[in-house]
Every structure is written in structure tokens, then in C-alpha cells.
Amino acid sequence: ARFKECIDAIYQACPDVILIPSTGGAVGMTAEERLQPTELFPEMA
């Protein structure tokens, strides 16, 4: 949800930018935590 909020707001301001969401997250996060942004179907990650 937080990624979607940020991505939607970014595209309002910068509609052409390529976004590469991180699946690295922060040290100690689980794999499933880290994979959440892929559920938004970004063009890259």
C-alpha cells in the first residue's frame, strides 16, 4: 500500500520516469516482505 501510494504520487508529478522498486528492502526483512512491490506489476524491479 505504501509503495502504491508513492508510485501513484510520483507518476502524477513525473509521468514518464522509469521506476525500479527495490526488492532488497532492509536487512532482516523476509523474502515475502521484500517481494510485495512486485504485486504492483512494475516494469522493472
PDB file of all heavy atoms in Angstrom:
ATOM      1  N   ALA A   1       0.828  -1.206   0.000  1.00  0.00           N
ATOM      2  CA  ALA A   1       0.000   0.000   0.000  1.00  0.00           C
ATOM      3  C   ALA A   1       0.862   1.256   0.000  1.00  0.00           C
ATOM      4  O   ALA A   1       0.552   2.237  -0.700  1.00  0.00           O
ATOM      5  CB  ALA A   1      -0.939  -0.003   1.199  1.00  0.00           C
ATOM      6  N   ARG A   2       1.942   1.241   0.774  1.00  0.00           N
ATOM      7  CA  ARG A   2       2.818   2.419   0.820  1.00  0.00           C
ATOM      8  C   ARG A   2       3.528   2.620  -0.516  1.00  0.00           C
ATOM      9  O   ARG A   2       3.670   3.741  -1.004  1.00  0.00           O
ATOM     10  CB  ARG A   2       3.839   2.264   1.947  1.00  0.00           C
ATOM     11  CG  ARG A   2       4.737   3.485   2.158  1.00  0.00           C
ATOM     12  CD  ARG A   2       3.949   4.700   2.622  1.00  0.00           C
ATOM     13  NE  ARG A   2       4.836   5.714   3.194  1.00  0.00           N
ATOM     14  CZ  ARG A   2       4.424   6.818   3.795  1.00  0.00           C
ATOM     15  NH1 ARG A   2       3.125   7.058   3.917  1.00  0.00           N
ATOM     16  NH2 ARG A   2       5.289   7.681   4.294  1.00  0.00           N
ATOM     17  N   PHE A   3       3.980   1.514  -1.124  1.00  0.00           N
ATOM     18  CA  PHE A   3       4.597   1.629  -2.439  1.00  0.00           C
ATOM     19  C   PHE A   3       3.612   2.201  -3.450  1.00  0.00           C
ATOM     20  O   PHE A   3       3.962   3.082  -4.250  1.00  0.00           O
ATOM     21  CB  PHE A   3       5.131   0.276  -2.919  1.00  0.00           C
ATOM     22  CG  PHE A   3       6.609   0.099  -2.715  1.00  0.00           C
ATOM     23  CD1 PHE A   3       7.089  -0.613  -1.630  1.00  0.00           C
ATOM     24  CD2 PHE A   3       7.523   0.646  -3.605  1.00  0.00           C
ATOM     25  CE1 PHE A   3       8.453  -0.777  -1.430  1.00  0.00           C
ATOM     26  CE2 PHE A   3       8.876   0.490  -3.414  1.00  0.00           C
ATOM     27  CZ  PHE A   3       9.356  -0.229  -2.329  1.00  0.00           C
ATOM     28  N   LYS A   4       2.379   1.703  -3.428  1.00  0.00           N
ATOM     29  CA  LYS A   4       1.387   2.192  -4.395  1.00  0.00           C
ATOM     30  C   LYS A   4       1.120   3.673  -4.200  1.00  0.00           C
ATOM     31  O   LYS A   4       1.022   4.436  -5.179  1.00  0.00           O
ATOM     32  CB  LYS A   4       0.082   1.400  -4.276  1.00  0.00           C
ATOM     33  CG  LYS A   4      -0.935   1.785  -5.359  1.00  0.00           C
ATOM     34  CD  LYS A   4      -2.184   0.950  -5.294  1.00  0.00           C
ATOM     35  CE  LYS A   4      -3.077   1.188  -6.513  1.00  0.00           C
ATOM     36  NZ  LYS A   4      -3.384   2.601  -6.771  1.00  0.00           N
ATOM     37  N   GLU A   5       1.010   4.088  -2.949  1.00  0.00           N
ATOM     38  CA  GLU A   5       0.769   5.498  -2.663  1.00  0.00           C
ATOM     39  C   GLU A   5       1.887   6.362  -3.232  1.00  0.00           C
ATOM     40  O   GLU A   5       1.645   7.398  -3.864  1.00  0.00           O
ATOM     41  CB  GLU A   5       0.642   5.694  -1.144  1.00  0.00           C
ATOM     42  CG  GLU A   5       0.253   7.091  -0.713  1.00  0.00           C
ATOM     43  CD  GLU A   5       0.140   7.230   0.792  1.00  0.00           C
ATOM     44  OE1 GLU A   5       0.599   6.324   1.521  1.00  0.00           O
ATOM     45  OE2 GLU A   5      -0.386   8.258   1.235  1.00  0.00           O
ATOM     46  N   CYS A   6       3.129   5.930  -3.021  1.00  0.00           N
ATOM     47  CA  CYS A   6       4.277   6.703  -3.505  1.00  0.00           C
ATOM     48  C   CYS A   6       4.370   6.667  -5.028  1.00  0.00           C
ATOM     49  O   CYS A   6       4.610   7.698  -5.674  1.00  0.00           O
ATOM     50  CB  CYS A   6       5.568   6.170  -2.889  1.00  0.00           C
ATOM     51  SG  CYS A   6       5.738   6.509  -1.129  1.00  0.00           S
ATOM     52  N   ILE A   7       4.163   5.488  -5.619  1.00  0.00           N
ATOM     53  CA  ILE A   7       4.266   5.361  -7.074  1.00  0.00           C
ATOM     54  C   ILE A   7       3.197   6.208  -7.767  1.00  0.00           C
ATOM     55  O   ILE A   7       3.487   6.926  -8.736  1.00  0.00           O
ATOM     56  CB  ILE A   7       4.164   3.878  -7.485  1.00  0.00           C
ATOM     57  CG1 ILE A   7       5.452   3.145  -7.086  1.00  0.00           C
ATOM     58  CG2 ILE A   7       3.909   3.742  -8.984  1.00  0.00           C
ATOM     59  CD1 ILE A   7       5.372   1.637  -7.226  1.00  0.00           C
ATOM     60  N   ASP A   8       1.970   6.147  -7.277  1.00  0.00           N
ATOM     61  CA  ASP A   8       0.895   6.940  -7.882  1.00  0.00           C
ATOM     62  C   ASP A   8       1.209   8.432  -7.799  1.00  0.00           C
ATOM     63  O   ASP A   8       1.005   9.184  -8.772  1.00  0.00           O
ATOM     64  CB  ASP A   8      -0.438   6.658  -7.190  1.00  0.00           C
ATOM     65  CG  ASP A   8      -0.993   5.278  -7.517  1.00  0.00           C
ATOM     66  OD1 ASP A   8      -0.463   4.623  -8.439  1.00  0.00           O
ATOM     67  OD2 ASP A   8      -1.947   4.856  -6.829  1.00  0.00           O
ATOM     68  N   ALA A   9       1.730   8.877  -6.652  1.00  0.00           N
ATOM     69  CA  ALA A   9       2.052  10.294  -6.475  1.00  0.00           C
ATOM     70  C   ALA A   9       3.223  10.704  -7.365  1.00  0.00           C
ATOM     71  O   ALA A   9       3.239  11.810  -7.922  1.00  0.00           O
ATOM     72  CB  ALA A   9       2.369  10.579  -5.006  1.00  0.00           C
ATOM     73  N   ILE A  10       4.201   9.811  -7.512  1.00  0.00           N
ATOM     74  CA  ILE A  10       5.349  10.111  -8.376  1.00  0.00           C
ATOM     75  C   ILE A  10       4.902  10.271  -9.822  1.00  0.00           C
ATOM     76  O   ILE A  10       5.305  11.215 -10.516  1.00  0.00           O
ATOM     77  CB  ILE A  10       6.416   9.003  -8.254  1.00  0.00           C
ATOM     78  CG1 ILE A  10       7.165   9.127  -6.925  1.00  0.00           C
ATOM     79  CG2 ILE A  10       7.407   9.071  -9.430  1.00  0.00           C
ATOM     80  CD1 ILE A  10       8.047   7.940  -6.611  1.00  0.00           C
ATOM     81  N   TYR A  11       4.038   9.372 -10.298  1.00  0.00           N
ATOM     82  CA  TYR A  11       3.609   9.459 -11.691  1.00  0.00           C
ATOM     83  C   TYR A  11       2.755  10.702 -11.960  1.00  0.00           C
ATOM     84  O   TYR A  11       2.712  11.192 -13.091  1.00  0.00           O
ATOM     85  CB  TYR A  11       2.870   8.190 -12.110  1.00  0.00           C
ATOM     86  CG  TYR A  11       3.768   7.035 -12.444  1.00  0.00           C
ATOM     87  CD1 TYR A  11       3.457   5.744 -12.035  1.00  0.00           C
ATOM     88  CD2 TYR A  11       4.940   7.229 -13.178  1.00  0.00           C
ATOM     89  CE1 TYR A  11       4.285   4.671 -12.353  1.00  0.00           C
ATOM     90  CE2 TYR A  11       5.772   6.178 -13.496  1.00  0.00           C
ATOM     91  CZ  TYR A  11       5.443   4.895 -13.077  1.00  0.00           C
ATOM     92  OH  TYR A  11       6.264   3.842 -13.394  1.00  0.00           O
ATOM     93  N   GLN A  12       2.099  11.209 -10.931  1.00  0.00           N
ATOM     94  CA  GLN A  12       1.384  12.479 -11.099  1.00  0.00           C
ATOM     95  C   GLN A  12       2.359  13.612 -11.382  1.00  0.00           C
ATOM     96  O   GLN A  12       2.087  14.491 -12.211  1.00  0.00           O
ATOM     97  CB  GLN A  12       0.568  12.794  -9.836  1.00  0.00           C
ATOM     98  CG  GLN A  12      -0.681  11.968  -9.666  1.00  0.00           C
ATOM     99  CD  GLN A  12      -1.742  12.281 -10.704  1.00  0.00           C
ATOM    100  OE1 GLN A  12      -1.990  13.431 -11.045  1.00  0.00           O
ATOM    101  NE2 GLN A  12      -2.365  11.229 -11.238  1.00  0.00           N
ATOM    102  N   ALA A  13       3.505  13.592 -10.718  1.00  0.00           N
ATOM    103  CA  ALA A  13       4.494  14.661 -10.865  1.00  0.00           C
ATOM    104  C   ALA A  13       5.469  14.407 -12.010  1.00  0.00           C
ATOM    105  O   ALA A  13       5.929  15.352 -12.655  1.00  0.00           O
ATOM    106  CB  ALA A  13       5.276  14.822  -9.558  1.00  0.00           C
ATOM    107  N   CYS A  14       5.786  13.124 -12.261  1.00  0.00           N
ATOM    108  CA  CYS A  14       6.802  12.763 -13.258  1.00  0.00           C
ATOM    109  C   CYS A  14       6.262  11.589 -14.084  1.00  0.00           C
ATOM    110  O   CYS A  14       6.658  10.431 -13.863  1.00  0.00           O
ATOM    111  CB  CYS A  14       8.117  12.370 -12.582  1.00  0.00           C
ATOM    112  SG  CYS A  14       8.796  13.620 -11.475  1.00  0.00           S
ATOM    113  N   PRO A  15       5.360  11.847 -15.028  1.00  0.00           N
ATOM    114  CA  PRO A  15       4.639  10.758 -15.691  1.00  0.00           C
ATOM    115  C   PRO A  15       5.498   9.848 -16.567  1.00  0.00           C
ATOM    116  O   PRO A  15       5.076   8.725 -16.870  1.00  0.00           O
ATOM    117  CB  PRO A  15       3.587  11.497 -16.532  1.00  0.00           C
ATOM    118  CG  PRO A  15       4.104  12.887 -16.687  1.00  0.00           C
ATOM    119  CD  PRO A  15       4.866  13.178 -15.441  1.00  0.00           C
ATOM    120  N   ASP A  16       6.677  10.286 -16.966  1.00  0.00           N
ATOM    121  CA  ASP A  16       7.489   9.490 -17.887  1.00  0.00           C
ATOM    122  C   ASP A  16       8.616   8.723 -17.206  1.00  0.00           C
ATOM    123  O   ASP A  16       9.267   7.891 -17.842  1.00  0.00           O
ATOM    124  CB  ASP A  16       8.099  10.399 -18.961  1.00  0.00           C
ATOM    125  CG  ASP A  16       7.030  11.044 -19.835  1.00  0.00           C
ATOM    126  OD1 ASP A  16       6.061  10.350 -20.185  1.00  0.00           O
ATOM    127  OD2 ASP A  16       7.165  12.243 -20.143  1.00  0.00           O
ATOM    128  N   VAL A  17       8.877   8.990 -15.938  1.00  0.00           N
ATOM    129  CA  VAL A  17      10.029   8.394 -15.262  1.00  0.00           C
ATOM    130  C   VAL A  17       9.911   6.871 -15.218  1.00  0.00           C
ATOM    131  O   VAL A  17       8.821   6.305 -15.115  1.00  0.00           O
ATOM    132  CB  VAL A  17      10.191   8.964 -13.838  1.00  0.00           C
ATOM    133  CG1 VAL A  17       9.052   8.521 -12.922  1.00  0.00           C
ATOM    134  CG2 VAL A  17      11.545   8.595 -13.244  1.00  0.00           C
ATOM    135  N   ILE A  18      11.062   6.190 -15.315  1.00  0.00           N
ATOM    136  CA  ILE A  18      11.132   4.743 -15.102  1.00  0.00           C
ATOM    137  C   ILE A  18      11.363   4.523 -13.611  1.00  0.00           C
ATOM    138  O   ILE A  18      12.316   5.058 -13.042  1.00  0.00           O
ATOM    139  CB  ILE A  18      12.287   4.121 -15.909  1.00  0.00           C
ATOM    140  CG1 ILE A  18      12.078   4.350 -17.403  1.00  0.00           C
ATOM    141  CG2 ILE A  18      12.408   2.628 -15.601  1.00  0.00           C
ATOM    142  CD1 ILE A  18      13.293   4.003 -18.245  1.00  0.00           C
ATOM    143  N   LEU A  19      10.497   3.734 -12.991  1.00  0.00           N
ATOM    144  CA  LEU A  19      10.652   3.416 -11.571  1.00  0.00           C
ATOM    145  C   LEU A  19      11.151   1.991 -11.417  1.00  0.00           C
ATOM    146  O   LEU A  19      10.640   1.071 -12.052  1.00  0.00           O
ATOM    147  CB  LEU A  19       9.324   3.590 -10.827  1.00  0.00           C
ATOM    148  CG  LEU A  19       8.803   5.017 -10.693  1.00  0.00           C
ATOM    149  CD1 LEU A  19       7.469   5.026  -9.942  1.00  0.00           C
ATOM    150  CD2 LEU A  19       9.808   5.909  -9.975  1.00  0.00           C
ATOM    151  N   ILE A  20      12.155   1.823 -10.568  1.00  0.00           N
ATOM    152  CA  ILE A  20      12.669   0.494 -10.232  1.00  0.00           C
ATOM    153  C   ILE A  20      12.491   0.297  -8.724  1.00  0.00           C
ATOM    154  O   ILE A  20      13.353   0.666  -7.929  1.00  0.00           O
ATOM    155  CB  ILE A  20      14.156   0.338 -10.624  1.00  0.00           C
ATOM    156  CG1 ILE A  20      14.353   0.620 -12.113  1.00  0.00           C
ATOM    157  CG2 ILE A  20      14.639  -1.061 -10.269  1.00  0.00           C
ATOM    158  CD1 ILE A  20      15.779   0.399 -12.601  1.00  0.00           C
ATOM    159  N   PRO A  21      11.346  -0.251  -8.304  1.00  0.00           N
ATOM    160  CA  PRO A  21      11.162  -0.521  -6.878  1.00  0.00           C
ATOM    161  C   PRO A  21      12.188  -1.531  -6.377  1.00  0.00           C
ATOM    162  O   PRO A  21      12.569  -2.466  -7.094  1.00  0.00           O
ATOM    163  CB  PRO A  21       9.746  -1.088  -6.802  1.00  0.00           C
ATOM    164  CG  PRO A  21       9.068  -0.643  -8.052  1.00  0.00           C
ATOM    165  CD  PRO A  21      10.148  -0.581  -9.085  1.00  0.00           C
ATOM    166  N   SER A  22      12.604  -1.357  -5.152  1.00  0.00           N
ATOM    167  CA  SER A  22      13.548  -2.282  -4.528  1.00  0.00           C
ATOM    168  C   SER A  22      12.835  -3.524  -4.024  1.00  0.00           C
ATOM    169  O   SER A  22      11.768  -3.430  -3.413  1.00  0.00           O
ATOM    170  CB  SER A  22      14.244  -1.604  -3.347  1.00  0.00           C
ATOM    171  OG  SER A  22      15.014  -2.537  -2.623  1.00  0.00           O
ATOM    172  N   THR A  23      13.432  -4.695  -4.279  1.00  0.00           N
ATOM    173  CA  THR A  23      13.013  -5.897  -3.567  1.00  0.00           C
ATOM    174  C   THR A  23      14.073  -6.297  -2.548  1.00  0.00           C
ATOM    175  O   THR A  23      14.014  -7.382  -1.981  1.00  0.00           O
ATOM    176  CB  THR A  23      12.739  -7.080  -4.518  1.00  0.00           C
ATOM    177  OG1 THR A  23      13.961  -7.463  -5.158  1.00  0.00           O
ATOM    178  CG2 THR A  23      11.699  -6.715  -5.561  1.00  0.00           C
ATOM    179  N   GLY A  24      15.034  -5.391  -2.326  1.00  0.00           N
ATOM    180  CA  GLY A  24      16.039  -5.622  -1.285  1.00  0.00           C
ATOM    181  C   GLY A  24      15.512  -5.248   0.083  1.00  0.00           C
ATOM    182  O   GLY A  24      15.852  -5.876   1.089  1.00  0.00           O
ATOM    183  N   GLY A  25      14.664  -4.204   0.108  1.00  0.00           N
ATOM    184  CA  GLY A  25      14.114  -3.756   1.388  1.00  0.00           C
ATOM    185  C   GLY A  25      15.199  -3.346   2.344  1.00  0.00           C
ATOM    186  O   GLY A  25      16.141  -2.645   1.983  1.00  0.00           O
ATOM    187  N   ALA A  26      15.093  -3.801   3.568  1.00  0.00           N
ATOM    188  CA  ALA A  26      16.084  -3.535   4.602  1.00  0.00           C
ATOM    189  C   ALA A  26      16.591  -4.860   5.156  1.00  0.00           C
ATOM    190  O   ALA A  26      15.877  -5.877   5.120  1.00  0.00           O
ATOM    191  CB  ALA A  26      15.483  -2.690   5.732  1.00  0.00           C
ATOM    192  N   VAL A  27      17.813  -4.858   5.657  1.00  0.00           N
ATOM    193  CA  VAL A  27      18.412  -6.071   6.224  1.00  0.00           C
ATOM    194  C   VAL A  27      17.485  -6.649   7.289  1.00  0.00           C
ATOM    195  O   VAL A  27      16.983  -5.916   8.158  1.00  0.00           O
ATOM    196  CB  VAL A  27      19.799  -5.757   6.811  1.00  0.00           C
ATOM    197  CG1 VAL A  27      20.333  -6.954   7.591  1.00  0.00           C
ATOM    198  CG2 VAL A  27      20.768  -5.382   5.696  1.00  0.00           C
ATOM    199  N   GLY A  28      17.225  -7.952   7.213  1.00  0.00           N
ATOM    200  CA  GLY A  28      16.389  -8.622   8.200  1.00  0.00           C
ATOM    201  C   GLY A  28      14.963  -8.865   7.761  1.00  0.00           C
ATOM    202  O   GLY A  28      14.237  -9.639   8.401  1.00  0.00           O
ATOM    203  N   MET A  29      14.535  -8.235   6.644  1.00  0.00           N
ATOM    204  CA  MET A  29      13.175  -8.474   6.157  1.00  0.00           C
ATOM    205  C   MET A  29      13.085  -9.851   5.513  1.00  0.00           C
ATOM    206  O   MET A  29      14.048 -10.355   4.936  1.00  0.00           O
ATOM    207  CB  MET A  29      12.785  -7.407   5.132  1.00  0.00           C
ATOM    208  CG  MET A  29      12.522  -6.042   5.705  1.00  0.00           C
ATOM    209  SD  MET A  29      12.003  -4.884   4.398  1.00  0.00           S
ATOM    210  CE  MET A  29      11.606  -3.436   5.393  1.00  0.00           C
ATOM    211  N   THR A  30      11.898 -10.456   5.577  1.00  0.00           N
ATOM    212  CA  THR A  30      11.690 -11.753   4.946  1.00  0.00           C
ATOM    213  C   THR A  30      11.542 -11.590   3.436  1.00  0.00           C
ATOM    214  O   THR A  30      11.272 -10.485   2.932  1.00  0.00           O
ATOM    215  CB  THR A  30      10.424 -12.428   5.486  1.00  0.00           C
ATOM    216  OG1 THR A  30       9.273 -11.662   5.067  1.00  0.00           O
ATOM    217  CG2 THR A  30      10.452 -12.528   7.001  1.00  0.00           C
ATOM    218  N   ALA A  31      11.671 -12.704   2.725  1.00  0.00           N
ATOM    219  CA  ALA A  31      11.524 -12.672   1.273  1.00  0.00           C
ATOM    220  C   ALA A  31      10.129 -12.193   0.881  1.00  0.00           C
ATOM    221  O   ALA A  31       9.975 -11.392  -0.051  1.00  0.00           O
ATOM    222  CB  ALA A  31      11.806 -14.055   0.688  1.00  0.00           C
ATOM    223  N   GLU A  32       9.101 -12.674   1.559  1.00  0.00           N
ATOM    224  CA  GLU A  32       7.740 -12.271   1.204  1.00  0.00           C
ATOM    225  C   GLU A  32       7.512 -10.786   1.460  1.00  0.00           C
ATOM    226  O   GLU A  32       6.811 -10.121   0.687  1.00  0.00           O
ATOM    227  CB  GLU A  32       6.706 -13.122   1.937  1.00  0.00           C
ATOM    228  CG  GLU A  32       6.463 -14.471   1.281  1.00  0.00           C
ATOM    229  CD  GLU A  32       6.157 -14.382  -0.199  1.00  0.00           C
ATOM    230  OE1 GLU A  32       5.267 -13.590  -0.588  1.00  0.00           O
ATOM    231  OE2 GLU A  32       6.790 -15.092  -0.994  1.00  0.00           O
ATOM    232  N   GLU A  33       8.086 -10.273   2.552  1.00  0.00           N
ATOM    233  CA  GLU A  33       8.020  -8.823   2.769  1.00  0.00           C
ATOM    234  C   GLU A  33       8.638  -8.083   1.598  1.00  0.00           C
ATOM    235  O   GLU A  33       8.065  -7.129   1.058  1.00  0.00           O
ATOM    236  CB  GLU A  33       8.779  -8.440   4.047  1.00  0.00           C
ATOM    237  CG  GLU A  33       8.068  -8.631   5.351  1.00  0.00           C
ATOM    238  CD  GLU A  33       8.933  -8.148   6.509  1.00  0.00           C
ATOM    239  OE1 GLU A  33       9.841  -8.879   6.949  1.00  0.00           O
ATOM    240  OE2 GLU A  33       8.708  -6.999   6.943  1.00  0.00           O
ATOM    241  N   ARG A  34       9.805  -8.510   1.222  1.00  0.00           N
ATOM    242  CA  ARG A  34      10.569  -7.814   0.196  1.00  0.00           C
ATOM    243  C   ARG A  34       9.897  -7.872  -1.172  1.00  0.00           C
ATOM    244  O   ARG A  34      10.058  -6.957  -1.988  1.00  0.00           O
ATOM    245  CB  ARG A  34      11.987  -8.401   0.128  1.00  0.00           C
ATOM    246  CG  ARG A  34      12.843  -8.048   1.334  1.00  0.00           C
ATOM    247  CD  ARG A  34      14.102  -8.897   1.423  1.00  0.00           C
ATOM    248  NE  ARG A  34      14.880  -8.887   0.189  1.00  0.00           N
ATOM    249  CZ  ARG A  34      15.984  -9.591   0.001  1.00  0.00           C
ATOM    250  NH1 ARG A  34      16.443 -10.364   0.975  1.00  0.00           N
ATOM    251  NH2 ARG A  34      16.629  -9.531  -1.149  1.00  0.00           N
ATOM    252  N   LEU A  35       9.151  -8.932  -1.445  1.00  0.00           N
ATOM    253  CA  LEU A  35       8.540  -9.119  -2.760  1.00  0.00           C
ATOM    254  C   LEU A  35       7.249  -8.318  -2.955  1.00  0.00           C
ATOM    255  O   LEU A  35       6.716  -8.269  -4.071  1.00  0.00           O
ATOM    256  CB  LEU A  35       8.238 -10.602  -2.988  1.00  0.00           C
ATOM    257  CG  LEU A  35       9.401 -11.459  -3.489  1.00  0.00           C
ATOM    258  CD1 LEU A  35       9.043 -12.932  -3.404  1.00  0.00           C
ATOM    259  CD2 LEU A  35       9.780 -11.080  -4.917  1.00  0.00           C
ATOM    260  N   GLN A  36       6.736  -7.671  -1.913  1.00  0.00           N
ATOM    261  CA  GLN A  36       5.440  -7.004  -2.029  1.00  0.00           C
ATOM    262  C   GLN A  36       5.334  -6.022  -3.201  1.00  0.00           C
ATOM    263  O   GLN A  36       4.295  -5.992  -3.877  1.00  0.00           O
ATOM    264  CB  GLN A  36       5.094  -6.289  -0.716  1.00  0.00           C
ATOM    265  CG  GLN A  36       4.720  -7.232   0.410  1.00  0.00           C
ATOM    266  CD  GLN A  36       4.405  -6.475   1.685  1.00  0.00           C
ATOM    267  OE1 GLN A  36       3.288  -6.002   1.882  1.00  0.00           O
ATOM    268  NE2 GLN A  36       5.406  -6.358   2.538  1.00  0.00           N
ATOM    269  N   PRO A  37       6.370  -5.222  -3.500  1.00  0.00           N
ATOM    270  CA  PRO A  37       6.212  -4.295  -4.626  1.00  0.00           C
ATOM    271  C   PRO A  37       5.979  -4.977  -5.968  1.00  0.00           C
ATOM    272  O   PRO A  37       5.398  -4.381  -6.883  1.00  0.00           O
ATOM    273  CB  PRO A  37       7.542  -3.525  -4.634  1.00  0.00           C
ATOM    274  CG  PRO A  37       8.077  -3.659  -3.251  1.00  0.00           C
ATOM    275  CD  PRO A  37       7.626  -4.999  -2.768  1.00  0.00           C
ATOM    276  N   THR A  38       6.394  -6.246  -6.120  1.00  0.00           N
ATOM    277  CA  THR A  38       6.170  -6.939  -7.391  1.00  0.00           C
ATOM    278  C   THR A  38       4.690  -7.207  -7.639  1.00  0.00           C
ATOM    279  O   THR A  38       4.288  -7.462  -8.780  1.00  0.00           O
ATOM    280  CB  THR A  38       6.949  -8.267  -7.445  1.00  0.00           C
ATOM    281  OG1 THR A  38       6.431  -9.177  -6.451  1.00  0.00           O
ATOM    282  CG2 THR A  38       8.431  -8.059  -7.214  1.00  0.00           C
ATOM    283  N   GLU A  39       3.882  -7.137  -6.578  1.00  0.00           N
ATOM    284  CA  GLU A  39       2.445  -7.344  -6.732  1.00  0.00           C
ATOM    285  C   GLU A  39       1.770  -6.156  -7.425  1.00  0.00           C
ATOM    286  O   GLU A  39       0.604  -6.229  -7.810  1.00  0.00           O
ATOM    287  CB  GLU A  39       1.806  -7.591  -5.369  1.00  0.00           C
ATOM    288  CG  GLU A  39       2.316  -8.861  -4.687  1.00  0.00           C
ATOM    289  CD  GLU A  39       1.851  -8.971  -3.245  1.00  0.00           C
ATOM    290  OE1 GLU A  39       0.942  -8.217  -2.843  1.00  0.00           O
ATOM    291  OE2 GLU A  39       2.413  -9.806  -2.509  1.00  0.00           O
ATOM    292  N   LEU A  40       2.521  -5.058  -7.594  1.00  0.00           N
ATOM    293  CA  LEU A  40       2.010  -3.882  -8.301  1.00  0.00           C
ATOM    294  C   LEU A  40       2.373  -3.907  -9.782  1.00  0.00           C
ATOM    295  O   LEU A  40       2.078  -2.966 -10.510  1.00  0.00           O
ATOM    296  CB  LEU A  40       2.560  -2.611  -7.642  1.00  0.00           C
ATOM    297  CG  LEU A  40       2.158  -2.400  -6.183  1.00  0.00           C
ATOM    298  CD1 LEU A  40       2.934  -1.237  -5.573  1.00  0.00           C
ATOM    299  CD2 LEU A  40       0.655  -2.159  -6.068  1.00  0.00           C
ATOM    300  N   PHE A  41       3.056  -4.966 -10.222  1.00  0.00           N
ATOM    301  CA  PHE A  41       3.435  -5.154 -11.624  1.00  0.00           C
ATOM    302  C   PHE A  41       4.239  -3.972 -12.190  1.00  0.00           C
ATOM    303  O   PHE A  41       3.888  -3.419 -13.241  1.00  0.00           O
ATOM    304  CB  PHE A  41       2.194  -5.423 -12.485  1.00  0.00           C
ATOM    305  CG  PHE A  41       1.452  -6.666 -12.088  1.00  0.00           C
ATOM    306  CD1 PHE A  41       0.404  -6.609 -11.177  1.00  0.00           C
ATOM    307  CD2 PHE A  41       1.822  -7.904 -12.596  1.00  0.00           C
ATOM    308  CE1 PHE A  41      -0.274  -7.755 -10.793  1.00  0.00           C
ATOM    309  CE2 PHE A  41       1.145  -9.062 -12.214  1.00  0.00           C
ATOM    310  CZ  PHE A  41       0.099  -8.987 -11.312  1.00  0.00           C
ATOM    311  N   PRO A  42       5.323  -3.570 -11.515  1.00  0.00           N
ATOM    312  CA  PRO A  42       6.167  -2.519 -12.076  1.00  0.00           C
ATOM    313  C   PRO A  42       6.874  -3.014 -13.336  1.00  0.00           C
ATOM    314  O   PRO A  42       7.020  -4.226 -13.544  1.00  0.00           O
ATOM    315  CB  PRO A  42       7.173  -2.253 -10.948  1.00  0.00           C
ATOM    316  CG  PRO A  42       7.278  -3.573 -10.247  1.00  0.00           C
ATOM    317  CD  PRO A  42       5.892  -4.154 -10.282  1.00  0.00           C
ATOM    318  N   GLU A  43       7.318  -2.081 -14.186  1.00  0.00           N
ATOM    319  CA  GLU A  43       8.018  -2.511 -15.399  1.00  0.00           C
ATOM    320  C   GLU A  43       9.395  -3.084 -15.081  1.00  0.00           C
ATOM    321  O   GLU A  43       9.897  -3.957 -15.796  1.00  0.00           O
ATOM    322  CB  GLU A  43       8.132  -1.360 -16.395  1.00  0.00           C
ATOM    323  CG  GLU A  43       8.790  -0.104 -15.873  1.00  0.00           C
ATOM    324  CD  GLU A  43       8.626   1.066 -16.835  1.00  0.00           C
ATOM    325  OE1 GLU A  43       8.625   0.841 -18.071  1.00  0.00           O
ATOM    326  OE2 GLU A  43       8.491   2.204 -16.363  1.00  0.00           O
ATOM    327  N   MET A  44      10.011  -2.624 -13.997  1.00  0.00           N
ATOM    328  CA  MET A  44      11.293  -3.145 -13.544  1.00  0.00           C
ATOM    329  C   MET A  44      11.275  -3.277 -12.028  1.00  0.00           C
ATOM    330  O   MET A  44      10.440  -2.677 -11.348  1.00  0.00           O
ATOM    331  CB  MET A  44      12.450  -2.224 -13.955  1.00  0.00           C
ATOM    332  CG  MET A  44      12.685  -2.131 -15.446  1.00  0.00           C
ATOM    333  SD  MET A  44      14.191  -1.168 -15.857  1.00  0.00           S
ATOM    334  CE  MET A  44      15.482  -2.328 -15.346  1.00  0.00           C
ATOM    335  N   ALA A  45      12.194  -4.056 -11.498  1.00  0.00           N
ATOM    336  CA  ALA A  45      12.433  -4.150 -10.051  1.00  0.00           C
ATOM    337  C   ALA A  45      13.837  -4.708  -9.859  1.00  0.00           C
ATOM    338  O   ALA A  45      14.406  -5.328 -10.767  1.00  0.00           O
ATOM    339  CB  ALA A  45      11.407  -5.057  -9.371  1.00  0.00           C
TER     340      ALA A  45
END
